[in-house]
């Protein structure tokens, strides 16, 4: 079995729509968090589902990015937010 090469850069045509999956405790305001992190950048956020016990919710955040650096920077900012448990 051949090992996957994860070092290759993703090939995208920019600007590109990119989606992040956010998982957070159910009582947090995902729309406000996204707005604060993106500093007014146009985006769309939709609730995806609740966890089986209802403690967490997942949301899909879609935003247009201009390059790989911006895409990665948004990901890092989302990961650092105290109210977001996971970012995919």
PDB file of N, CA and C in Angstrom:
ATOM      1  N   UNK A   1       0.844  -1.172   0.000  1.00  0.00           N
ATOM      2  CA  UNK A   1       0.000   0.000   0.000  1.00  0.00           C
ATOM      3  C   UNK A   1       0.891   1.238   0.000  1.00  0.00           C
ATOM      4  N   UNK A   2       0.591   2.167  -0.878  1.00  0.00           N
ATOM      5  CA  UNK A   2       1.386   3.374  -1.002  1.00  0.00           C
ATOM      6  C   UNK A   2       0.915   4.437  -0.015  1.00  0.00           C
ATOM      7  N   UNK A   3       1.873   5.110   0.612  1.00  0.00           N
ATOM      8  CA  UNK A   3       1.561   6.151   1.584  1.00  0.00           C
ATOM      9  C   UNK A   3       1.123   7.430   0.862  1.00  0.00           C
ATOM     10  N   UNK A   4       0.081   8.075   1.378  1.00  0.00           N
ATOM     11  CA  UNK A   4      -0.423   9.311   0.769  1.00  0.00           C
ATOM     12  C   UNK A   4       0.577  10.437   0.996  1.00  0.00           C
ATOM     13  N   UNK A   5       0.714  11.296  -0.017  1.00  0.00           N
ATOM     14  CA  UNK A   5       1.604  12.455   0.076  1.00  0.00           C
ATOM     15  C   UNK A   5       0.784  13.666   0.498  1.00  0.00           C
ATOM     16  N   UNK A   6       0.866  14.022   1.787  1.00  0.00           N
ATOM     17  CA  UNK A   6       0.096  15.142   2.321  1.00  0.00           C
ATOM     18  C   UNK A   6       0.850  16.457   2.236  1.00  0.00           C
ATOM     19  N   UNK A   7       2.001  16.477   1.591  1.00  0.00           N
ATOM     20  CA  UNK A   7       2.809  17.691   1.529  1.00  0.00           C
ATOM     21  C   UNK A   7       2.489  18.541   0.311  1.00  0.00           C
ATOM     22  N   UNK A   8       1.710  18.026  -0.621  1.00  0.00           N
ATOM     23  CA  UNK A   8       1.379  18.787  -1.824  1.00  0.00           C
ATOM     24  C   UNK A   8       0.377  19.881  -1.490  1.00  0.00           C
ATOM     25  N   UNK A   9       0.585  21.062  -2.068  1.00  0.00           N
ATOM     26  CA  UNK A   9      -0.322  22.192  -1.869  1.00  0.00           C
ATOM     27  C   UNK A   9      -1.601  21.951  -2.664  1.00  0.00           C
ATOM     28  N   UNK A  10      -2.713  22.291  -2.059  1.00  0.00           N
ATOM     29  CA  UNK A  10      -4.013  22.164  -2.686  1.00  0.00           C
ATOM     30  C   UNK A  10      -4.083  23.078  -3.902  1.00  0.00           C
ATOM     31  N   UNK A  11      -4.599  22.585  -5.021  1.00  0.00           N
ATOM     32  CA  UNK A  11      -4.699  23.400  -6.237  1.00  0.00           C
ATOM     33  C   UNK A  11      -6.091  24.011  -6.311  1.00  0.00           C
ATOM     34  N   UNK A  12      -6.148  25.336  -6.199  1.00  0.00           N
ATOM     35  CA  UNK A  12      -7.405  26.069  -6.260  1.00  0.00           C
ATOM     36  C   UNK A  12      -7.251  27.274  -7.175  1.00  0.00           C
ATOM     37  N   UNK A  13      -8.333  27.649  -7.822  1.00  0.00           N
ATOM     38  CA  UNK A  13      -8.372  28.898  -8.570  1.00  0.00           C
ATOM     39  C   UNK A  13      -8.947  29.950  -7.638  1.00  0.00           C
ATOM     40  N   UNK A  14      -8.231  31.047  -7.473  1.00  0.00           N
ATOM     41  CA  UNK A  14      -8.662  32.098  -6.554  1.00  0.00           C
ATOM     42  C   UNK A  14      -9.233  33.286  -7.306  1.00  0.00           C
ATOM     43  N   UNK A  15     -10.167  34.018  -6.697  1.00  0.00           N
ATOM     44  CA  UNK A  15     -10.752  33.748  -5.384  1.00  0.00           C
ATOM     45  C   UNK A  15     -11.587  32.476  -5.419  1.00  0.00           C
ATOM     46  N   UNK A  16     -11.701  31.842  -4.268  1.00  0.00           N
ATOM     47  CA  UNK A  16     -12.429  30.578  -4.169  1.00  0.00           C
ATOM     48  C   UNK A  16     -13.326  30.591  -2.941  1.00  0.00           C
ATOM     49  N   UNK A  17     -14.473  29.933  -3.035  1.00  0.00           N
ATOM     50  CA  UNK A  17     -15.350  29.736  -1.874  1.00  0.00           C
ATOM     51  C   UNK A  17     -14.761  28.590  -1.064  1.00  0.00           C
ATOM     52  N   UNK A  18     -14.635  28.793   0.241  1.00  0.00           N
ATOM     53  CA  UNK A  18     -14.077  27.767   1.101  1.00  0.00           C
ATOM     54  C   UNK A  18     -15.018  27.554   2.276  1.00  0.00           C
ATOM     55  N   UNK A  19     -15.172  26.303   2.684  1.00  0.00           N
ATOM     56  CA  UNK A  19     -16.050  25.985   3.798  1.00  0.00           C
ATOM     57  C   UNK A  19     -15.253  25.428   4.966  1.00  0.00           C
ATOM     58  N   UNK A  20     -15.616  25.906   6.139  1.00  0.00           N
ATOM     59  CA  UNK A  20     -15.068  25.408   7.394  1.00  0.00           C
ATOM     60  C   UNK A  20     -16.235  24.834   8.187  1.00  0.00           C
ATOM     61  N   UNK A  21     -16.010  23.730   8.855  1.00  0.00           N
ATOM     62  CA  UNK A  21     -17.024  23.149   9.736  1.00  0.00           C
ATOM     63  C   UNK A  21     -16.623  23.508  11.164  1.00  0.00           C
ATOM     64  N   UNK A  22     -17.533  24.167  11.880  1.00  0.00           N
ATOM     65  CA  UNK A  22     -17.281  24.613  13.244  1.00  0.00           C
ATOM     66  C   UNK A  22     -18.123  23.785  14.213  1.00  0.00           C
ATOM     67  N   UNK A  23     -17.519  23.310  15.266  1.00  0.00           N
ATOM     68  CA  UNK A  23     -18.234  22.566  16.297  1.00  0.00           C
ATOM     69  C   UNK A  23     -18.028  23.302  17.611  1.00  0.00           C
ATOM     70  N   UNK A  24     -19.165  23.648  18.252  1.00  0.00           N
ATOM     71  CA  UNK A  24     -19.092  24.458  19.468  1.00  0.00           C
ATOM     72  C   UNK A  24     -20.235  24.111  20.403  1.00  0.00           C
ATOM     73  N   UNK A  25     -20.111  24.501  21.682  1.00  0.00           N
ATOM     74  CA  UNK A  25     -21.229  24.290  22.606  1.00  0.00           C
ATOM     75  C   UNK A  25     -22.486  24.966  22.082  1.00  0.00           C
ATOM     76  N   UNK A  26     -23.630  24.349  22.320  1.00  0.00           N
ATOM     77  CA  UNK A  26     -24.890  24.768  21.684  1.00  0.00           C
ATOM     78  C   UNK A  26     -25.321  26.192  22.018  1.00  0.00           C
ATOM     79  N   UNK A  27     -24.930  26.742  23.142  1.00  0.00           N
ATOM     80  CA  UNK A  27     -25.397  28.067  23.533  1.00  0.00           C
ATOM     81  C   UNK A  27     -24.566  29.216  22.971  1.00  0.00           C
ATOM     82  N   UNK A  28     -23.535  28.927  22.199  1.00  0.00           N
ATOM     83  CA  UNK A  28     -22.712  29.990  21.620  1.00  0.00           C
ATOM     84  C   UNK A  28     -23.338  30.524  20.338  1.00  0.00           C
ATOM     85  N   UNK A  29     -23.114  31.797  20.078  1.00  0.00           N
ATOM     86  CA  UNK A  29     -23.664  32.473  18.908  1.00  0.00           C
ATOM     87  C   UNK A  29     -22.680  32.368  17.737  1.00  0.00           C
ATOM     88  N   UNK A  30     -22.863  31.359  16.909  1.00  0.00           N
ATOM     89  CA  UNK A  30     -21.941  31.101  15.800  1.00  0.00           C
ATOM     90  C   UNK A  30     -21.884  32.275  14.826  1.00  0.00           C
ATOM     91  N   UNK A  31     -23.012  32.922  14.578  1.00  0.00           N
ATOM     92  CA  UNK A  31     -23.027  34.048  13.636  1.00  0.00           C
ATOM     93  C   UNK A  31     -22.183  35.205  14.152  1.00  0.00           C
ATOM     94  N   UNK A  32     -22.287  35.511  15.437  1.00  0.00           N
ATOM     95  CA  UNK A  32     -21.496  36.599  16.020  1.00  0.00           C
ATOM     96  C   UNK A  32     -20.011  36.242  16.021  1.00  0.00           C
ATOM     97  N   UNK A  33     -19.694  35.002  16.370  1.00  0.00           N
ATOM     98  CA  UNK A  33     -18.302  34.568  16.395  1.00  0.00           C
ATOM     99  C   UNK A  33     -17.682  34.692  15.006  1.00  0.00           C
ATOM    100  N   UNK A  34     -18.389  34.219  13.975  1.00  0.00           N
ATOM    101  CA  UNK A  34     -17.877  34.301  12.604  1.00  0.00           C
ATOM    102  C   UNK A  34     -17.695  35.760  12.186  1.00  0.00           C
ATOM    103  N   UNK A  35     -18.668  36.591  12.489  1.00  0.00           N
ATOM    104  CA  UNK A  35     -18.593  38.012  12.132  1.00  0.00           C
ATOM    105  C   UNK A  35     -17.386  38.671  12.795  1.00  0.00           C
ATOM    106  N   UNK A  36     -17.152  38.373  14.065  1.00  0.00           N
ATOM    107  CA  UNK A  36     -16.020  38.943  14.791  1.00  0.00           C
ATOM    108  C   UNK A  36     -14.680  38.482  14.209  1.00  0.00           C
ATOM    109  N   UNK A  37     -14.569  37.213  13.901  1.00  0.00           N
ATOM    110  CA  UNK A  37     -13.314  36.677  13.378  1.00  0.00           C
ATOM    111  C   UNK A  37     -13.031  37.196  11.973  1.00  0.00           C
ATOM    112  N   UNK A  38     -14.075  37.308  11.162  1.00  0.00           N
ATOM    113  CA  UNK A  38     -13.888  37.708   9.763  1.00  0.00           C
ATOM    114  C   UNK A  38     -13.869  39.220   9.560  1.00  0.00           C
ATOM    115  N   UNK A  39     -14.030  39.980  10.641  1.00  0.00           N
ATOM    116  CA  UNK A  39     -13.935  41.450  10.579  1.00  0.00           C
ATOM    117  C   UNK A  39     -14.755  42.056   9.449  1.00  0.00           C
ATOM    118  N   UNK A  40     -16.005  41.639   9.333  1.00  0.00           N
ATOM    119  CA  UNK A  40     -16.889  42.222   8.339  1.00  0.00           C
ATOM    120  C   UNK A  40     -16.785  41.610   6.951  1.00  0.00           C
ATOM    121  N   UNK A  41     -15.880  40.672   6.739  1.00  0.00           N
ATOM    122  CA  UNK A  41     -15.754  40.003   5.435  1.00  0.00           C
ATOM    123  C   UNK A  41     -17.041  39.239   5.153  1.00  0.00           C
ATOM    124  N   UNK A  42     -17.544  39.343   3.931  1.00  0.00           N
ATOM    125  CA  UNK A  42     -18.786  38.677   3.569  1.00  0.00           C
ATOM    126  C   UNK A  42     -18.643  37.165   3.724  1.00  0.00           C
ATOM    127  N   UNK A  43     -19.672  36.549   4.329  1.00  0.00           N
ATOM    128  CA  UNK A  43     -19.655  35.114   4.580  1.00  0.00           C
ATOM    129  C   UNK A  43     -21.084  34.617   4.761  1.00  0.00           C
ATOM    130  N   UNK A  44     -21.200  33.314   4.826  1.00  0.00           N
ATOM    131  CA  UNK A  44     -22.493  32.671   5.070  1.00  0.00           C
ATOM    132  C   UNK A  44     -22.257  31.581   6.117  1.00  0.00           C
ATOM    133  N   UNK A  45     -23.108  31.554   7.134  1.00  0.00           N
ATOM    134  CA  UNK A  45     -22.983  30.502   8.144  1.00  0.00           C
ATOM    135  C   UNK A  45     -24.339  29.853   8.337  1.00  0.00           C
ATOM    136  N   UNK A  46     -24.343  28.526   8.308  1.00  0.00           N
ATOM    137  CA  UNK A  46     -25.580  27.782   8.474  1.00  0.00           C
ATOM    138  C   UNK A  46     -25.374  26.672   9.510  1.00  0.00           C
ATOM    139  N   UNK A  47     -26.400  26.474  10.313  1.00  0.00           N
ATOM    140  CA  UNK A  47     -26.351  25.399  11.315  1.00  0.00           C
ATOM    141  C   UNK A  47     -26.492  24.068  10.593  1.00  0.00           C
ATOM    142  N   UNK A  48     -25.649  23.118  10.972  1.00  0.00           N
ATOM    143  CA  UNK A  48     -25.680  21.800  10.336  1.00  0.00           C
ATOM    144  C   UNK A  48     -26.493  20.808  11.152  1.00  0.00           C
ATOM    145  N   UNK A  49     -26.069  20.591  12.390  1.00  0.00           N
ATOM    146  CA  UNK A  49     -26.775  19.608  13.224  1.00  0.00           C
ATOM    147  C   UNK A  49     -26.364  19.740  14.678  1.00  0.00           C
ATOM    148  N   UNK A  50     -27.094  19.030  15.535  1.00  0.00           N
ATOM    149  CA  UNK A  50     -26.779  18.958  16.961  1.00  0.00           C
ATOM    150  C   UNK A  50     -26.090  17.633  17.239  1.00  0.00           C
ATOM    151  N   UNK A  51     -25.293  17.609  18.298  1.00  0.00           N
ATOM    152  CA  UNK A  51     -24.681  16.349  18.710  1.00  0.00           C
ATOM    153  C   UNK A  51     -25.774  15.434  19.257  1.00  0.00           C
ATOM    154  N   UNK A  52     -25.469  14.170  19.392  1.00  0.00           N
ATOM    155  CA  UNK A  52     -26.479  13.199  19.826  1.00  0.00           C
ATOM    156  C   UNK A  52     -27.059  13.525  21.203  1.00  0.00           C
ATOM    157  N   UNK A  53     -26.266  14.103  22.092  1.00  0.00           N
ATOM    158  CA  UNK A  53     -26.762  14.460  23.418  1.00  0.00           C
ATOM    159  C   UNK A  53     -27.183  15.924  23.499  1.00  0.00           C
ATOM    160  N   UNK A  54     -27.064  16.652  22.398  1.00  0.00           N
ATOM    161  CA  UNK A  54     -27.512  18.035  22.354  1.00  0.00           C
ATOM    162  C   UNK A  54     -26.585  19.048  22.997  1.00  0.00           C
ATOM    163  N   UNK A  55     -25.396  18.637  23.366  1.00  0.00           N
ATOM    164  CA  UNK A  55     -24.457  19.538  24.033  1.00  0.00           C
ATOM    165  C   UNK A  55     -23.741  20.456  23.042  1.00  0.00           C
ATOM    166  N   UNK A  56     -23.526  19.979  21.827  1.00  0.00           N
ATOM    167  CA  UNK A  56     -22.780  20.727  20.815  1.00  0.00           C
ATOM    168  C   UNK A  56     -23.620  20.901  19.543  1.00  0.00           C
ATOM    169  N   UNK A  57     -23.268  21.945  18.786  1.00  0.00           N
ATOM    170  CA  UNK A  57     -23.859  22.143  17.466  1.00  0.00           C
ATOM    171  C   UNK A  57     -22.727  22.298  16.456  1.00  0.00           C
ATOM    172  N   UNK A  58     -23.022  21.945  15.230  1.00  0.00           N
ATOM    173  CA  UNK A  58     -22.039  22.174  14.164  1.00  0.00           C
ATOM    174  C   UNK A  58     -22.635  23.162  13.177  1.00  0.00           C
ATOM    175  N   UNK A  59     -21.752  23.953  12.589  1.00  0.00           N
ATOM    176  CA  UNK A  59     -22.140  24.991  11.648  1.00  0.00           C
ATOM    177  C   UNK A  59     -21.181  24.946  10.476  1.00  0.00           C
ATOM    178  N   UNK A  60     -21.674  25.296   9.290  1.00  0.00           N
ATOM    179  CA  UNK A  60     -20.827  25.410   8.116  1.00  0.00           C
ATOM    180  C   UNK A  60     -20.638  26.884   7.825  1.00  0.00           C
ATOM    181  N   UNK A  61     -19.385  27.299   7.776  1.00  0.00           N
ATOM    182  CA  UNK A  61     -19.022  28.677   7.468  1.00  0.00           C
ATOM    183  C   UNK A  61     -18.438  28.698   6.063  1.00  0.00           C
ATOM    184  N   UNK A  62     -19.050  29.485   5.182  1.00  0.00           N
ATOM    185  CA  UNK A  62     -18.552  29.607   3.816  1.00  0.00           C
ATOM    186  C   UNK A  62     -18.083  31.037   3.594  1.00  0.00           C
ATOM    187  N   UNK A  63     -16.873  31.180   3.078  1.00  0.00           N
ATOM    188  CA  UNK A  63     -16.283  32.494   2.853  1.00  0.00           C
ATOM    189  C   UNK A  63     -15.411  32.436   1.602  1.00  0.00           C
ATOM    190  N   UNK A  64     -15.325  33.538   0.910  1.00  0.00           N
ATOM    191  CA  UNK A  64     -14.460  33.634  -0.264  1.00  0.00           C
ATOM    192  C   UNK A  64     -13.052  33.989   0.200  1.00  0.00           C
ATOM    193  N   UNK A  65     -12.071  33.219  -0.254  1.00  0.00           N
ATOM    194  CA  UNK A  65     -10.678  33.479   0.091  1.00  0.00           C
ATOM    195  C   UNK A  65      -9.893  33.818  -1.176  1.00  0.00           C
ATOM    196  N   UNK A  66      -8.885  34.667  -1.013  1.00  0.00           N
ATOM    197  CA  UNK A  66      -8.118  35.153  -2.162  1.00  0.00           C
ATOM    198  C   UNK A  66      -6.839  34.389  -2.415  1.00  0.00           C
ATOM    199  N   UNK A  67      -6.372  33.611  -1.433  1.00  0.00           N
ATOM    200  CA  UNK A  67      -5.142  32.833  -1.595  1.00  0.00           C
ATOM    201  C   UNK A  67      -5.037  31.807  -0.464  1.00  0.00           C
ATOM    202  N   UNK A  68      -4.043  30.938  -0.571  1.00  0.00           N
ATOM    203  CA  UNK A  68      -3.865  29.881   0.441  1.00  0.00           C
ATOM    204  C   UNK A  68      -3.551  30.471   1.813  1.00  0.00           C
ATOM    205  N   UNK A  69      -2.788  31.542   1.841  1.00  0.00           N
ATOM    206  CA  UNK A  69      -2.413  32.158   3.114  1.00  0.00           C
ATOM    207  C   UNK A  69      -3.645  32.662   3.860  1.00  0.00           C
ATOM    208  N   UNK A  70      -4.561  33.309   3.138  1.00  0.00           N
ATOM    209  CA  UNK A  70      -5.786  33.798   3.771  1.00  0.00           C
ATOM    210  C   UNK A  70      -6.635  32.629   4.270  1.00  0.00           C
ATOM    211  N   UNK A  71      -6.743  31.581   3.472  1.00  0.00           N
ATOM    212  CA  UNK A  71      -7.514  30.388   3.855  1.00  0.00           C
ATOM    213  C   UNK A  71      -6.966  29.788   5.147  1.00  0.00           C
ATOM    214  N   UNK A  72      -5.649  29.671   5.232  1.00  0.00           N
ATOM    215  CA  UNK A  72      -5.009  29.101   6.419  1.00  0.00           C
ATOM    216  C   UNK A  72      -5.120  30.041   7.621  1.00  0.00           C
ATOM    217  N   UNK A  73      -5.011  31.343   7.403  1.00  0.00           N
ATOM    218  CA  UNK A  73      -5.095  32.313   8.496  1.00  0.00           C
ATOM    219  C   UNK A  73      -6.486  32.286   9.136  1.00  0.00           C
ATOM    220  N   UNK A  74      -7.525  32.194   8.319  1.00  0.00           N
ATOM    221  CA  UNK A  74      -8.887  32.104   8.853  1.00  0.00           C
ATOM    222  C   UNK A  74      -9.034  30.828   9.669  1.00  0.00           C
ATOM    223  N   UNK A  75      -8.521  29.722   9.156  1.00  0.00           N
ATOM    224  CA  UNK A  75      -8.569  28.455   9.880  1.00  0.00           C
ATOM    225  C   UNK A  75      -7.904  28.589  11.247  1.00  0.00           C
ATOM    226  N   UNK A  76      -6.732  29.203  11.296  1.00  0.00           N
ATOM    227  CA  UNK A  76      -6.003  29.367  12.555  1.00  0.00           C
ATOM    228  C   UNK A  76      -6.773  30.266  13.517  1.00  0.00           C
ATOM    229  N   UNK A  77      -7.359  31.355  13.013  1.00  0.00           N
ATOM    230  CA  UNK A  77      -8.148  32.248  13.868  1.00  0.00           C
ATOM    231  C   UNK A  77      -9.363  31.527  14.447  1.00  0.00           C
ATOM    232  N   UNK A  78     -10.003  30.693  13.636  1.00  0.00           N
ATOM    233  CA  UNK A  78     -11.147  29.920  14.120  1.00  0.00           C
ATOM    234  C   UNK A  78     -10.712  28.930  15.200  1.00  0.00           C
ATOM    235  N   UNK A  79      -9.586  28.248  14.973  1.00  0.00           N
ATOM    236  CA  UNK A  79      -9.078  27.266  15.944  1.00  0.00           C
ATOM    237  C   UNK A  79      -8.745  27.907  17.283  1.00  0.00           C
ATOM    238  N   UNK A  80      -8.279  29.148  17.260  1.00  0.00           N
ATOM    239  CA  UNK A  80      -7.855  29.833  18.486  1.00  0.00           C
ATOM    240  C   UNK A  80      -9.023  30.367  19.310  1.00  0.00           C
ATOM    241  N   UNK A  81     -10.206  30.466  18.698  1.00  0.00           N
ATOM    242  CA  UNK A  81     -11.339  31.073  19.410  1.00  0.00           C
ATOM    243  C   UNK A  81     -11.748  30.191  20.583  1.00  0.00           C
ATOM    244  N   UNK A  82     -11.941  30.818  21.743  1.00  0.00           N
ATOM    245  CA  UNK A  82     -12.219  30.074  22.975  1.00  0.00           C
ATOM    246  C   UNK A  82     -13.541  29.312  22.948  1.00  0.00           C
ATOM    247  N   UNK A  83     -14.507  29.746  22.132  1.00  0.00           N
ATOM    248  CA  UNK A  83     -15.825  29.098  22.103  1.00  0.00           C
ATOM    249  C   UNK A  83     -15.979  28.048  21.008  1.00  0.00           C
ATOM    250  N   UNK A  84     -14.954  27.838  20.215  1.00  0.00           N
ATOM    251  CA  UNK A  84     -15.004  26.828  19.148  1.00  0.00           C
ATOM    252  C   UNK A  84     -14.181  25.630  19.603  1.00  0.00           C
ATOM    253  N   UNK A  85     -14.820  24.470  19.665  1.00  0.00           N
ATOM    254  CA  UNK A  85     -14.124  23.256  20.122  1.00  0.00           C
ATOM    255  C   UNK A  85     -13.295  22.620  19.003  1.00  0.00           C
ATOM    256  N   UNK A  86     -13.855  22.548  17.783  1.00  0.00           N
ATOM    257  CA  UNK A  86     -13.170  21.920  16.656  1.00  0.00           C
ATOM    258  C   UNK A  86     -13.444  22.703  15.386  1.00  0.00           C
ATOM    259  N   UNK A  87     -12.449  22.704  14.493  1.00  0.00           N
ATOM    260  CA  UNK A  87     -12.615  23.289  13.159  1.00  0.00           C
ATOM    261  C   UNK A  87     -12.132  22.248  12.159  1.00  0.00           C
ATOM    262  N   UNK A  88     -12.944  21.963  11.186  1.00  0.00           N
ATOM    263  CA  UNK A  88     -12.584  21.014  10.129  1.00  0.00           C
ATOM    264  C   UNK A  88     -12.568  21.745   8.802  1.00  0.00           C
TER     265      UNK A  88
END
